Amino acid sequence: MTKTTGTFSSLTRAQKQAASLLTIGSFLEYFDIMLYVHMAVLLNEVFFPKTDPNTAQLYTAFGFCSTYFFRPFGALFFGYLGDNIGRKPIIIITTFIMAISCLIMANLPTYEQIGIVAAWTVTICRIMQSMSCTGEGIGAEIYLTEITSPPIRYPLVSLIAFSGAIGTTAALATAFFVTSFGLNWRIVFWIGAAVALIGIVSRRRLQEVPNFIDTKIKIISVVTKTNKNSTRLEPQQQKKVNKKTALSLFFIQCCWPACFYLAYIHSGTILKDTFGFTSEQVIHQNFIVSLGHLAGHLVLICLCYRVYPLDILRIKLSIFSIFILVFPYLLYNTNSSYQLLLLQLFIVIFAPTDCPAVAIFYIHFPVFKRFTYVALMYALARALMSIVISFGIVHLVDHFEHWGILIFMFPVIGVYMFALSHFQKLE
């Protein structure tokens, strides 16, 4: 049986293998899911009808939304399965769905060839990827949370987000390479399908979480001896989820989509409209931003082994809150793409997120309800924020220009502050 450990040196071979397989798998998953997001400025012209700039911007917003909108359905479905049949099967199933989606998009005819069927098909593929991504990412983080103990738990679980950031960077690098050398964009999705298949093969070597297995064995044993309903005998299954804790996790997860949109999507629009960037040039600059995001993640992973994760989040929140107050003013006085790049980098590095305190948030949910509730709160936050940001910011910026950004950022930061305070009290 795998023992929980609190230091790097005391990690068992099984724990090291699990951490390696899950981080590699998370890289592959995020590589696939982010391929379309970062190539949307190019692929929307291929799969959707040509329109005026405002409608094109709505297509971009819809493509962004499709990444998150259907995640709650995936969270309910895969969360329920993960809490009943185990963490490992869900991780493998969701990776398989990602591979199939990439294969379909790699062979999908364009809008000029088959008309609106192309737009609907690519949207369905994005929905499939969206639903599967929730089960994969959350499952990996819960897996590592349940087989380790503090303080090693914090950096290990944070590795999932870090590997996801690497996957995002790799997706941008691939997109940039393909567009820079005039290669066929379909190559990107063939690569995405290949890396997903590699993830399926590698993750078959995972073992189920001991904590989950032990609790299941207790239930079977009690049922066998007493011949009674297990849900009436097992405290872990009866234990209720604290509503305030669930709501706080939801608020924590609301912040990153807003920051992501500002750093990549909204800034990309500014680069095209104000500085005359082409789609390829936008992808190039976003690739540089992703490198900064990657460096920020690495620093957090190193810090959280020595510094309490909630203290790190509180410091980031303070810095970002001051920055966002002057962000509209800075945008008005941005005269070059390099200045905008600095603003993008600041957002991705100091944005209030759940990393590196993910394990602290998750551990406050009961074992047999953890996967479902954690995945659902994550998915609901992503879905809600993607809709509010994608379509709301267009109208806010039209009416209030850059100051419209503050209208939705103030509430987001406010609820994040409330949620962080709640988890500090729990700890």
Protein backbone atom coordinates (compact mmCIF):
# COMPACT_ATOMS: atom_id res chain seq x y z
CA MET A 1 0.00 0.00 0.00
CA THR A 2 1.26 3.46 -0.85
CA LYS A 3 2.08 5.61 2.17
CA THR A 4 1.50 9.34 2.21
CA THR A 5 4.65 11.37 2.38
CA GLY A 6 5.62 14.93 3.12
CA THR A 7 9.07 15.35 1.58
CA PHE A 8 10.73 14.79 -1.79
CA SER A 9 13.15 12.17 -0.43
CA SER A 10 10.38 10.08 1.13
CA LEU A 11 8.34 9.71 -2.06
CA THR A 12 7.86 6.07 -3.02
CA ARG A 13 8.52 4.72 -6.49
CA ALA A 14 4.77 4.40 -7.11
CA GLN A 15 4.20 8.03 -6.13
CA LYS A 16 7.01 9.26 -8.37
CA GLN A 17 5.64 7.23 -11.27
CA ALA A 18 2.12 8.56 -10.70
CA ALA A 19 3.35 12.16 -10.56
CA SER A 20 5.33 11.67 -13.79
CA LEU A 21 2.49 10.02 -15.71
CA LEU A 22 -0.09 12.56 -14.60
CA THR A 23 2.02 15.62 -15.35
CA ILE A 24 2.96 14.26 -18.77
CA GLY A 25 -0.68 13.41 -19.41
CA SER A 26 -1.80 16.88 -18.34
CA PHE A 27 0.69 18.38 -20.78
CA LEU A 28 -0.75 16.30 -23.61
CA GLU A 29 -4.35 17.16 -22.64
CA TYR A 30 -3.79 20.92 -22.50
CA PHE A 31 -1.79 20.78 -25.70
CA ASP A 32 -4.87 19.40 -27.44
CA ILE A 33 -7.50 21.63 -25.82
CA MET A 34 -5.53 24.85 -26.41
CA LEU A 35 -4.64 24.18 -30.06
CA TYR A 36 -7.93 25.57 -31.33
CA VAL A 37 -8.17 28.38 -28.75
CA HIS A 38 -4.88 29.92 -29.83
CA MET A 39 -5.43 29.25 -33.52
CA ALA A 40 -9.00 30.56 -33.46
CA VAL A 41 -8.00 33.77 -35.24
CA LEU A 42 -6.92 31.58 -38.17
CA LEU A 43 -9.31 28.59 -37.98
CA ASN A 44 -12.48 30.68 -37.63
CA GLU A 45 -11.76 31.90 -41.15
CA VAL A 46 -11.59 28.28 -42.31
CA PHE A 47 -14.63 26.75 -40.59
CA PHE A 48 -17.00 29.72 -40.35
CA PRO A 49 -18.44 32.01 -43.05
CA LYS A 50 -16.58 35.26 -43.79
CA THR A 51 -18.25 38.23 -42.10
CA ASP A 52 -17.66 41.77 -40.90
CA PRO A 53 -15.15 42.41 -38.02
CA ASN A 54 -17.84 42.62 -35.31
CA THR A 55 -19.37 39.28 -36.27
CA ALA A 56 -15.89 37.78 -36.54
CA GLN A 57 -15.23 38.91 -33.00
CA LEU A 58 -18.41 37.15 -31.90
CA TYR A 59 -17.19 33.97 -33.62
CA THR A 60 -13.98 34.27 -31.63
CA ALA A 61 -15.98 34.75 -28.45
CA PHE A 62 -18.15 31.73 -29.28
CA GLY A 63 -15.05 29.61 -29.91
CA PHE A 64 -13.72 30.68 -26.51
CA CYS A 65 -17.06 29.88 -24.86
CA SER A 66 -17.26 26.43 -26.42
CA THR A 67 -14.10 25.57 -24.49
CA TYR A 68 -15.93 26.06 -21.18
CA PHE A 69 -19.72 26.19 -21.62
CA PHE A 70 -20.36 22.44 -21.61
CA ARG A 71 -17.86 21.62 -18.90
CA PRO A 72 -20.53 21.42 -16.15
CA PHE A 73 -22.15 18.49 -17.99
CA GLY A 74 -18.79 16.78 -18.25
CA ALA A 75 -18.12 17.54 -14.58
CA LEU A 76 -21.39 15.92 -13.46
CA PHE A 77 -20.93 12.87 -15.66
CA PHE A 78 -17.22 12.20 -15.15
CA GLY A 79 -17.33 13.42 -11.53
CA TYR A 80 -20.04 10.88 -10.68
CA LEU A 81 -18.08 8.09 -12.37
CA GLY A 82 -14.85 9.19 -10.70
CA ASP A 83 -16.46 9.03 -7.25
CA ASN A 84 -17.98 5.61 -7.93
CA ILE A 85 -15.66 3.59 -10.17
CA GLY A 86 -12.37 5.32 -9.41
CA ARG A 87 -10.00 8.08 -10.52
CA LYS A 88 -7.87 6.10 -13.01
CA PRO A 89 -10.60 5.03 -15.52
CA ILE A 90 -11.84 8.61 -15.91
CA ILE A 91 -8.37 9.92 -16.65
CA ILE A 92 -7.96 7.35 -19.45
CA ILE A 93 -11.47 7.79 -20.91
CA THR A 94 -11.21 11.58 -21.13
CA THR A 95 -7.83 11.37 -22.83
CA PHE A 96 -9.34 9.02 -25.44
CA ILE A 97 -12.15 11.52 -26.17
CA MET A 98 -9.55 14.24 -26.71
CA ALA A 99 -7.71 12.07 -29.25
CA ILE A 100 -10.90 11.35 -31.24
CA SER A 101 -11.79 15.07 -31.36
CA CYS A 102 -8.38 15.99 -32.75
CA LEU A 103 -8.61 13.27 -35.40
CA ILE A 104 -11.99 14.58 -36.59
CA MET A 105 -10.75 18.19 -36.82
CA ALA A 106 -7.62 17.09 -38.63
CA ASN A 107 -9.76 15.58 -41.41
CA LEU A 108 -12.70 18.00 -41.37
CA PRO A 109 -13.50 19.73 -44.71
CA THR A 110 -13.63 23.54 -44.67
CA TYR A 111 -16.68 25.82 -44.80
CA GLU A 112 -16.12 26.40 -48.51
CA GLN A 113 -16.31 22.65 -49.10
CA ILE A 114 -19.30 21.56 -47.01
CA GLY A 115 -20.84 24.80 -45.74
CA ILE A 116 -22.37 25.19 -42.29
CA VAL A 117 -21.79 21.50 -41.51
CA ALA A 118 -18.12 22.38 -40.98
CA ALA A 119 -19.00 25.01 -38.38
CA TRP A 120 -21.33 22.66 -36.50
CA THR A 121 -18.87 19.76 -36.60
CA VAL A 122 -15.95 21.76 -35.24
CA THR A 123 -18.21 23.16 -32.51
CA ILE A 124 -19.24 19.63 -31.48
CA CYS A 125 -15.59 18.61 -31.34
CA ARG A 126 -14.85 21.60 -29.12
CA ILE A 127 -17.72 20.57 -26.84
CA MET A 128 -16.34 17.02 -26.58
CA GLN A 129 -12.91 18.38 -25.71
CA SER A 130 -14.40 20.79 -23.21
CA MET A 131 -16.30 18.06 -21.36
CA SER A 132 -13.38 15.65 -21.26
CA CYS A 133 -10.84 18.25 -20.17
CA THR A 134 -12.64 18.81 -16.85
CA GLY A 135 -12.52 15.14 -15.90
CA GLU A 136 -8.87 14.75 -16.88
CA GLY A 137 -7.40 17.79 -15.19
CA ILE A 138 -9.39 17.59 -11.96
CA GLY A 139 -8.85 13.83 -11.77
CA ALA A 140 -5.08 14.24 -11.97
CA GLU A 141 -5.02 16.91 -9.25
CA ILE A 142 -7.27 14.89 -6.93
CA TYR A 143 -5.16 11.78 -7.52
CA LEU A 144 -1.97 13.51 -6.37
CA THR A 145 -3.78 15.24 -3.50
CA GLU A 146 -4.93 11.89 -2.13
CA ILE A 147 -1.60 10.03 -2.32
CA THR A 148 0.62 12.70 -0.73
CA SER A 149 0.82 14.88 2.38
CA PRO A 150 2.05 18.46 3.02
CA PRO A 151 4.39 20.07 2.26
CA ILE A 152 5.28 17.95 -0.82
CA ARG A 153 1.59 17.81 -1.73
CA TYR A 154 1.53 21.49 -2.71
CA PRO A 155 4.27 21.51 -5.39
CA LEU A 156 3.31 18.06 -6.71
CA VAL A 157 -0.34 18.99 -7.28
CA SER A 158 0.79 22.34 -8.71
CA LEU A 159 2.80 20.39 -11.28
CA ILE A 160 -0.48 19.54 -13.01
CA ALA A 161 -1.18 23.23 -13.68
CA PHE A 162 2.47 23.72 -14.63
CA SER A 163 2.39 20.87 -17.12
CA GLY A 164 -0.85 22.33 -18.47
CA ALA A 165 0.95 25.64 -18.96
CA ILE A 166 3.71 23.78 -20.82
CA GLY A 167 1.04 22.16 -23.00
CA THR A 168 -0.42 25.59 -23.76
CA THR A 169 3.02 26.91 -24.66
CA ALA A 170 3.73 23.89 -26.83
CA ALA A 171 0.40 24.36 -28.62
CA LEU A 172 1.28 27.98 -29.34
CA ALA A 173 4.78 27.01 -30.47
CA THR A 174 3.35 24.40 -32.83
CA ALA A 175 0.80 26.86 -34.18
CA PHE A 176 3.49 29.50 -34.67
CA PHE A 177 5.82 27.04 -36.43
CA VAL A 178 3.10 25.82 -38.78
CA THR A 179 1.86 29.31 -39.68
CA SER A 180 5.35 30.79 -40.00
CA PHE A 181 6.49 28.23 -42.53
CA GLY A 182 3.21 28.11 -44.42
CA LEU A 183 2.50 24.49 -43.51
CA ASN A 184 -0.95 22.94 -43.58
CA TRP A 185 -2.83 23.76 -40.35
CA ARG A 186 -4.13 20.18 -40.25
CA ILE A 187 -0.67 19.04 -39.17
CA VAL A 188 -1.31 20.69 -35.80
CA PHE A 189 -4.32 18.46 -35.08
CA TRP A 190 -2.57 15.33 -36.32
CA ILE A 191 0.11 16.09 -33.75
CA GLY A 192 -2.60 16.70 -31.14
CA ALA A 193 -4.18 13.30 -31.83
CA ALA A 194 -0.79 11.59 -31.63
CA VAL A 195 0.13 13.09 -28.26
CA ALA A 196 -3.32 12.15 -26.87
CA LEU A 197 -2.81 8.53 -27.91
CA ILE A 198 0.59 8.56 -26.19
CA GLY A 199 -1.16 9.81 -23.05
CA ILE A 200 -3.64 6.91 -23.15
CA VAL A 201 -0.86 4.32 -23.36
CA SER A 202 1.22 5.87 -20.60
CA ARG A 203 -1.66 6.33 -18.16
CA ARG A 204 -2.65 2.68 -18.28
CA ARG A 205 0.28 2.11 -15.92
CA LEU A 206 -1.37 4.16 -13.15
CA GLN A 207 -2.65 2.42 -10.01
CA GLU A 208 -5.91 3.41 -8.37
CA VAL A 209 -5.71 5.85 -5.43
CA PRO A 210 -5.16 3.86 -2.17
CA ASN A 211 -7.41 6.20 -0.19
CA PHE A 212 -10.30 5.54 -2.59
CA ILE A 213 -9.71 1.77 -2.60
CA ASP A 214 -9.43 1.54 1.19
CA THR A 215 -12.75 3.33 1.69
CA LYS A 216 -14.46 1.12 -0.89
CA ILE A 217 -13.11 -2.00 0.86
CA LYS A 218 -14.53 -0.78 4.16
CA ILE A 219 -17.95 -0.35 2.58
CA ILE A 220 -17.91 -3.82 1.02
CA SER A 221 -16.80 -5.34 4.32
CA VAL A 222 -19.54 -3.64 6.32
CA VAL A 223 -22.21 -4.53 3.75
CA THR A 224 -21.09 -8.17 3.74
CA LYS A 225 -21.22 -8.44 7.53
CA THR A 226 -24.41 -6.49 8.16
CA ASN A 227 -26.31 -6.95 4.88
CA LYS A 228 -27.38 -3.29 5.12
CA ASN A 229 -27.28 -0.36 2.73
CA SER A 230 -23.69 0.93 2.54
CA THR A 231 -24.71 4.56 2.29
CA ARG A 232 -26.25 4.28 5.76
CA LEU A 233 -23.13 2.71 7.23
CA GLU A 234 -20.21 4.59 5.69
CA PRO A 235 -19.55 8.03 7.23
CA GLN A 236 -17.58 9.19 4.20
CA GLN A 237 -20.61 8.72 1.98
CA GLN A 238 -22.96 10.38 4.44
CA LYS A 239 -20.73 13.37 5.04
CA LYS A 240 -22.20 16.50 3.50
CA VAL A 241 -20.36 19.12 1.51
CA ASN A 242 -20.18 22.52 3.17
CA LYS A 243 -22.11 24.89 0.88
CA LYS A 244 -19.92 27.85 1.76
CA THR A 245 -16.81 25.83 0.92
CA ALA A 246 -18.26 24.78 -2.43
CA LEU A 247 -19.25 28.37 -3.21
CA SER A 248 -15.79 29.60 -2.21
CA LEU A 249 -14.13 27.14 -4.60
CA PHE A 250 -16.48 28.37 -7.33
CA PHE A 251 -15.39 31.98 -6.66
CA ILE A 252 -11.71 31.01 -6.68
CA GLN A 253 -12.12 29.43 -10.10
CA CYS A 254 -13.87 32.49 -11.55
CA CYS A 255 -10.79 34.69 -11.68
CA TRP A 256 -8.47 32.95 -14.14
CA PRO A 257 -10.89 32.91 -17.15
CA ALA A 258 -11.21 36.70 -16.88
CA CYS A 259 -7.45 37.13 -16.72
CA PHE A 260 -6.89 34.65 -19.55
CA TYR A 261 -9.32 36.52 -21.77
CA LEU A 262 -7.67 39.87 -21.06
CA ALA A 263 -4.17 38.53 -21.64
CA TYR A 264 -4.76 36.48 -24.78
CA ILE A 265 -8.11 37.13 -26.46
CA HIS A 266 -8.82 40.80 -25.73
CA SER A 267 -5.18 41.78 -26.16
CA GLY A 268 -5.08 39.81 -29.40
CA THR A 269 -7.99 41.88 -30.68
CA ILE A 270 -6.12 45.08 -29.77
CA LEU A 271 -3.04 43.84 -31.60
CA LYS A 272 -5.09 43.27 -34.77
CA ASP A 273 -7.24 46.39 -34.65
CA THR A 274 -4.78 48.95 -33.25
CA PHE A 275 -1.38 47.72 -34.37
CA GLY A 276 -2.39 45.95 -37.58
CA PHE A 277 -1.10 42.53 -36.57
CA THR A 278 -1.85 39.52 -38.74
CA SER A 279 -3.22 36.30 -37.22
CA GLU A 280 0.27 34.79 -37.35
CA GLN A 281 1.76 37.79 -35.51
CA VAL A 282 -0.90 37.57 -32.79
CA ILE A 283 -0.06 33.88 -32.29
CA HIS A 284 3.63 34.80 -32.07
CA GLN A 285 3.09 37.42 -29.36
CA ASN A 286 0.76 35.13 -27.40
CA PHE A 287 3.48 32.49 -27.51
CA ILE A 288 5.84 34.90 -25.75
CA VAL A 289 3.12 35.60 -23.18
CA SER A 290 2.71 31.88 -22.56
CA LEU A 291 6.44 31.61 -21.84
CA GLY A 292 6.00 34.25 -19.14
CA HIS A 293 3.02 32.34 -17.77
CA LEU A 294 5.17 29.21 -17.69
CA ALA A 295 7.96 30.97 -15.80
CA GLY A 296 5.45 32.30 -13.26
CA HIS A 297 4.14 28.79 -12.61
CA LEU A 298 7.64 27.47 -12.06
CA VAL A 299 8.38 30.15 -9.47
CA LEU A 300 5.15 29.32 -7.62
CA ILE A 301 6.01 25.61 -7.52
CA CYS A 302 9.40 26.39 -6.01
CA LEU A 303 7.94 28.82 -3.48
CA CYS A 304 5.05 26.70 -2.21
CA TYR A 305 7.37 24.05 -0.78
CA ARG A 306 8.73 26.66 1.65
CA VAL A 307 5.97 29.30 1.78
CA TYR A 308 2.38 28.51 2.75
CA PRO A 309 0.33 28.51 -0.52
CA LEU A 310 -2.51 30.68 0.82
CA ASP A 311 0.02 33.37 1.80
CA ILE A 312 1.32 33.33 -1.79
CA LEU A 313 -2.20 33.79 -3.16
CA ARG A 314 -2.86 36.69 -0.79
CA ILE A 315 0.29 38.50 -1.98
CA LYS A 316 -0.60 37.93 -5.65
CA LEU A 317 -4.11 39.22 -5.01
CA SER A 318 -2.80 42.44 -3.46
CA ILE A 319 -0.44 43.12 -6.36
CA PHE A 320 -3.01 42.33 -9.04
CA SER A 321 -5.72 44.44 -7.39
CA ILE A 322 -3.51 47.52 -7.60
CA PHE A 323 -2.55 46.73 -11.19
CA ILE A 324 -6.12 46.29 -12.44
CA LEU A 325 -7.09 49.73 -11.11
CA VAL A 326 -4.64 51.39 -13.51
CA PHE A 327 -4.95 48.83 -16.31
CA PRO A 328 -7.43 50.89 -18.43
CA TYR A 329 -5.21 53.97 -18.10
CA LEU A 330 -2.19 51.92 -19.20
CA LEU A 331 -4.10 50.65 -22.24
CA TYR A 332 -4.96 54.22 -23.27
CA ASN A 333 -1.25 55.08 -23.14
CA THR A 334 0.04 51.95 -24.87
CA ASN A 335 1.81 53.08 -28.03
CA SER A 336 3.47 49.88 -29.18
CA SER A 337 2.96 46.14 -29.21
CA TYR A 338 5.94 45.78 -26.85
CA GLN A 339 4.21 47.85 -24.19
CA LEU A 340 1.08 45.73 -24.58
CA LEU A 341 3.27 42.63 -24.26
CA LEU A 342 4.46 43.83 -20.84
CA LEU A 343 0.86 44.25 -19.72
CA GLN A 344 -0.01 40.77 -20.97
CA LEU A 345 2.94 39.27 -19.09
CA PHE A 346 1.99 41.03 -15.87
CA ILE A 347 -1.55 39.65 -16.08
CA VAL A 348 -0.55 36.00 -16.55
CA ILE A 349 2.15 36.14 -13.87
CA PHE A 350 0.20 37.89 -11.09
CA ALA A 351 -3.36 36.81 -11.90
CA PRO A 352 -5.19 35.45 -8.82
CA THR A 353 -5.68 31.72 -9.46
CA ASP A 354 -5.98 28.48 -7.50
CA CYS A 355 -2.30 27.59 -7.94
CA PRO A 356 -0.39 26.68 -5.76
CA ALA A 357 -3.16 26.10 -3.19
CA VAL A 358 -5.19 23.58 -5.22
CA ALA A 359 -4.60 20.74 -2.76
CA ILE A 360 -5.71 22.91 0.17
CA PHE A 361 -9.01 23.65 -1.55
CA TYR A 362 -9.69 20.05 -2.57
CA ILE A 363 -8.92 18.40 0.77
CA HIS A 364 -11.90 20.13 2.40
CA PHE A 365 -14.35 18.02 0.35
CA PRO A 366 -15.41 14.47 1.41
CA VAL A 367 -13.64 11.65 -0.45
CA PHE A 368 -16.76 10.18 -2.11
CA LYS A 369 -18.06 13.59 -3.18
CA ARG A 370 -14.75 15.26 -3.90
CA PHE A 371 -14.46 14.51 -7.62
CA THR A 372 -18.06 15.52 -8.37
CA TYR A 373 -18.11 18.77 -6.41
CA VAL A 374 -14.61 19.93 -7.28
CA ALA A 375 -15.15 19.24 -10.98
CA LEU A 376 -18.60 20.84 -10.94
CA MET A 377 -17.46 24.05 -9.21
CA TYR A 378 -14.54 24.32 -11.61
CA ALA A 379 -16.73 23.72 -14.65
CA LEU A 380 -19.54 26.04 -13.57
CA ALA A 381 -17.09 28.86 -12.91
CA ARG A 382 -15.44 28.40 -16.30
CA ALA A 383 -18.79 28.19 -18.11
CA LEU A 384 -20.31 31.24 -16.43
CA MET A 385 -17.22 33.40 -16.80
CA SER A 386 -16.65 32.45 -20.42
CA ILE A 387 -20.16 33.68 -21.30
CA VAL A 388 -20.00 36.86 -19.21
CA ILE A 389 -16.54 37.79 -20.45
CA SER A 390 -16.80 36.76 -24.08
CA PHE A 391 -20.04 38.54 -24.85
CA GLY A 392 -20.20 41.08 -22.05
CA ILE A 393 -16.82 42.66 -22.60
CA VAL A 394 -17.63 43.45 -26.24
CA HIS A 395 -20.54 45.64 -25.17
CA LEU A 396 -18.79 47.07 -22.10
CA VAL A 397 -15.78 48.16 -24.12
CA ASP A 398 -18.07 49.60 -26.81
CA HIS A 399 -19.88 51.74 -24.25
CA PHE A 400 -17.15 52.56 -21.72
CA GLU A 401 -14.01 51.82 -23.76
CA HIS A 402 -11.14 50.40 -21.67
CA TRP A 403 -12.78 51.45 -18.40
CA GLY A 404 -15.47 48.86 -19.10
CA ILE A 405 -12.93 46.20 -18.09
CA LEU A 406 -13.19 47.34 -14.47
CA ILE A 407 -16.95 46.75 -14.40
CA PHE A 408 -16.52 42.97 -14.48
CA MET A 409 -13.07 42.76 -12.85
CA PHE A 410 -14.09 44.45 -9.58
CA PRO A 411 -16.76 41.83 -8.70
CA VAL A 412 -14.44 39.00 -9.75
CA ILE A 413 -11.66 40.19 -7.47
CA GLY A 414 -14.15 40.84 -4.66
CA VAL A 415 -15.56 37.30 -4.60
CA TYR A 416 -12.05 35.86 -4.91
CA MET A 417 -11.04 37.80 -1.79
CA PHE A 418 -14.08 36.43 0.08
CA ALA A 419 -13.29 32.83 -0.98
CA LEU A 420 -9.63 33.10 -0.01
CA SER A 421 -10.62 34.36 3.42
CA HIS A 422 -12.98 31.40 3.89
CA PHE A 423 -10.29 28.81 3.15
CA GLN A 424 -7.85 30.61 5.45
CA LYS A 425 -10.38 30.20 8.27
CA LEU A 426 -10.80 26.51 7.46
CA GLU A 427 -7.06 25.97 7.66
